C-alpha atoms as a PDB file:
ATOM      1  CA  MET A   1       8.501  13.476 -23.966  1.00  0.00           C
ATOM      2  CA  VAL A   2      10.397  10.221 -24.494  1.00  0.00           C
ATOM      3  CA  LEU A   3      13.603  11.883 -23.323  1.00  0.00           C
ATOM      4  CA  MET A   4      11.959  12.980 -20.068  1.00  0.00           C
ATOM      5  CA  CYS A   5      10.701   9.433 -19.466  1.00  0.00           C
ATOM      6  CA  LEU A   6      14.169   8.002 -20.017  1.00  0.00           C
ATOM      7  CA  LEU A   7      15.783  10.569 -17.707  1.00  0.00           C
ATOM      8  CA  SER A   8      13.325   9.883 -14.881  1.00  0.00           C
ATOM      9  CA  LEU A   9      13.706   6.104 -15.116  1.00  0.00           C
ATOM     10  CA  ASP A  10      16.387   5.988 -12.415  1.00  0.00           C
ATOM     11  CA  ALA A  11      14.150   7.793  -9.902  1.00  0.00           C
ATOM     12  CA  ALA A  12      11.225   5.530 -10.729  1.00  0.00           C
ATOM     13  CA  LEU A  13      13.227   2.406  -9.917  1.00  0.00           C
ATOM     14  CA  GLY A  14      14.430   3.677  -6.531  1.00  0.00           C
ATOM     15  CA  GLN A  15      13.289   2.296  -3.185  1.00  0.00           C
ATOM     16  CA  CYS A  16      12.770   3.994   0.110  1.00  0.00           C
ATOM     17  CA  VAL A  17      15.395   3.331   2.769  1.00  0.00           C
ATOM     18  CA  MET A  18      13.150   1.072   4.852  1.00  0.00           C
ATOM     19  CA  CYS A  19      12.102  -1.029   1.864  1.00  0.00           C
ATOM     20  CA  LYS A  20      15.725  -1.491   0.873  1.00  0.00           C
ATOM     21  CA  ALA A  21      16.722  -2.501   4.415  1.00  0.00           C
ATOM     22  CA  VAL A  22      13.922  -5.079   4.657  1.00  0.00           C
ATOM     23  CA  ALA A  23      14.761  -6.480   1.234  1.00  0.00           C
ATOM     24  CA  GLU A  24      18.433  -6.844   2.147  1.00  0.00           C
ATOM     25  CA  ASP A  25      17.611  -8.486   5.502  1.00  0.00           C
ATOM     26  CA  SER A  26      15.196 -10.883   3.816  1.00  0.00           C
ATOM     27  CA  ALA A  27      17.813 -11.823   1.256  1.00  0.00           C
ATOM     28  CA  SER A  28      20.405 -12.583   3.935  1.00  0.00           C
ATOM     29  CA  ASP A  29      17.922 -14.727   5.924  1.00  0.00           C
ATOM     30  CA  GLY A  30      16.953 -16.763   2.877  1.00  0.00           C
ATOM     31  CA  GLY A  31      13.332 -15.564   2.821  1.00  0.00           C
ATOM     32  CA  LEU A  32      13.720 -13.242  -0.123  1.00  0.00           C
ATOM     33  CA  GLY A  33      10.899 -10.745  -0.114  1.00  0.00           C
ATOM     34  CA  ARG A  34       8.743 -12.327   2.610  1.00  0.00           C
ATOM     35  CA  GLY A  35       9.082  -9.381   5.000  1.00  0.00           C
ATOM     36  CA  LEU A  36       8.732  -6.859   2.205  1.00  0.00           C
ATOM     37  CA  ASN A  37       5.553  -8.487   0.935  1.00  0.00           C
ATOM     38  CA  ALA A  38       4.064  -8.598   4.433  1.00  0.00           C
ATOM     39  CA  GLY A  39       4.765  -4.887   4.870  1.00  0.00           C
ATOM     40  CA  ILE A  40       3.176  -4.036   1.535  1.00  0.00           C
ATOM     41  CA  LEU A  41       0.062  -6.045   2.372  1.00  0.00           C
ATOM     42  CA  TYR A  42      -0.196  -4.363   5.777  1.00  0.00           C
ATOM     43  CA  LEU A  43       0.103  -0.893   4.276  1.00  0.00           C
ATOM     44  CA  MET A  44      -2.444  -1.775   1.590  1.00  0.00           C
ATOM     45  CA  ALA A  45      -5.002  -3.238   4.019  1.00  0.00           C
ATOM     46  CA  ILE A  46      -5.425  -0.178   6.259  1.00  0.00           C
ATOM     47  CA  PRO A  47      -6.909   2.211   3.640  1.00  0.00           C
ATOM     48  CA  TYR A  48      -9.221  -0.501   2.319  1.00  0.00           C
ATOM     49  CA  ALA A  49     -10.435  -1.299   5.833  1.00  0.00           C
ATOM     50  CA  LEU A  50     -11.122   2.376   6.522  1.00  0.00           C
ATOM     51  CA  LEU A  51     -13.014   2.734   3.243  1.00  0.00           C
ATOM     52  CA  ALA A  52     -15.064  -0.371   4.019  1.00  0.00           C
ATOM     53  CA  ILE A  53     -16.003   0.988   7.447  1.00  0.00           C
ATOM     54  CA  LEU A  54     -16.909   4.373   5.975  1.00  0.00           C
ATOM     55  CA  GLY A  55     -18.976   2.700   3.255  1.00  0.00           C
ATOM     56  CA  ALA A  56     -20.805   0.573   5.819  1.00  0.00           C
ATOM     57  CA  VAL A  57     -21.627   3.652   7.919  1.00  0.00           C
ATOM     58  CA  PHE A  58     -23.037   5.486   4.907  1.00  0.00           C
ATOM     59  CA  PHE A  59     -24.962   2.384   3.832  1.00  0.00           C
ATOM     60  CA  TRP A  60     -26.575   1.923   7.258  1.00  0.00           C
ATOM     61  CA  LYS A  61     -27.342   5.649   7.577  1.00  0.00           C
ATOM     62  CA  LYS A  62     -29.079   5.666   4.191  1.00  0.00           C
ATOM     63  CA  LYS A  63     -30.917   2.415   4.839  1.00  0.00           C
ATOM     64  CA  ALA A  64     -32.242   3.519   8.251  1.00  0.00           C
ATOM     65  CA  PRO A  65     -35.784   4.957   8.113  1.00  0.00           C
ATOM     66  CA  ALA A  66     -35.965   8.731   8.364  1.00  0.00           C
ATOM     67  CA  GLU A  67     -37.095   9.917  11.792  1.00  0.00           C
ATOM     68  CA  LYS A  68     -39.816  12.586  11.903  1.00  0.00           C
END
């Protein structure tokens, strides 16, 4: 088990091509990581926003009085 973890360590530390390009561009501009962090926050915000909207819809549907 430990051997498998050590062998997969290199793959776990890899970056996608786009992340690497943004990190290198940020480093050359002097704003190390600013663009990368903005991209991560953008990608993280979309699923949470969708879940919040879905939760609000379910909440309002359940709270509305049943029509007969």
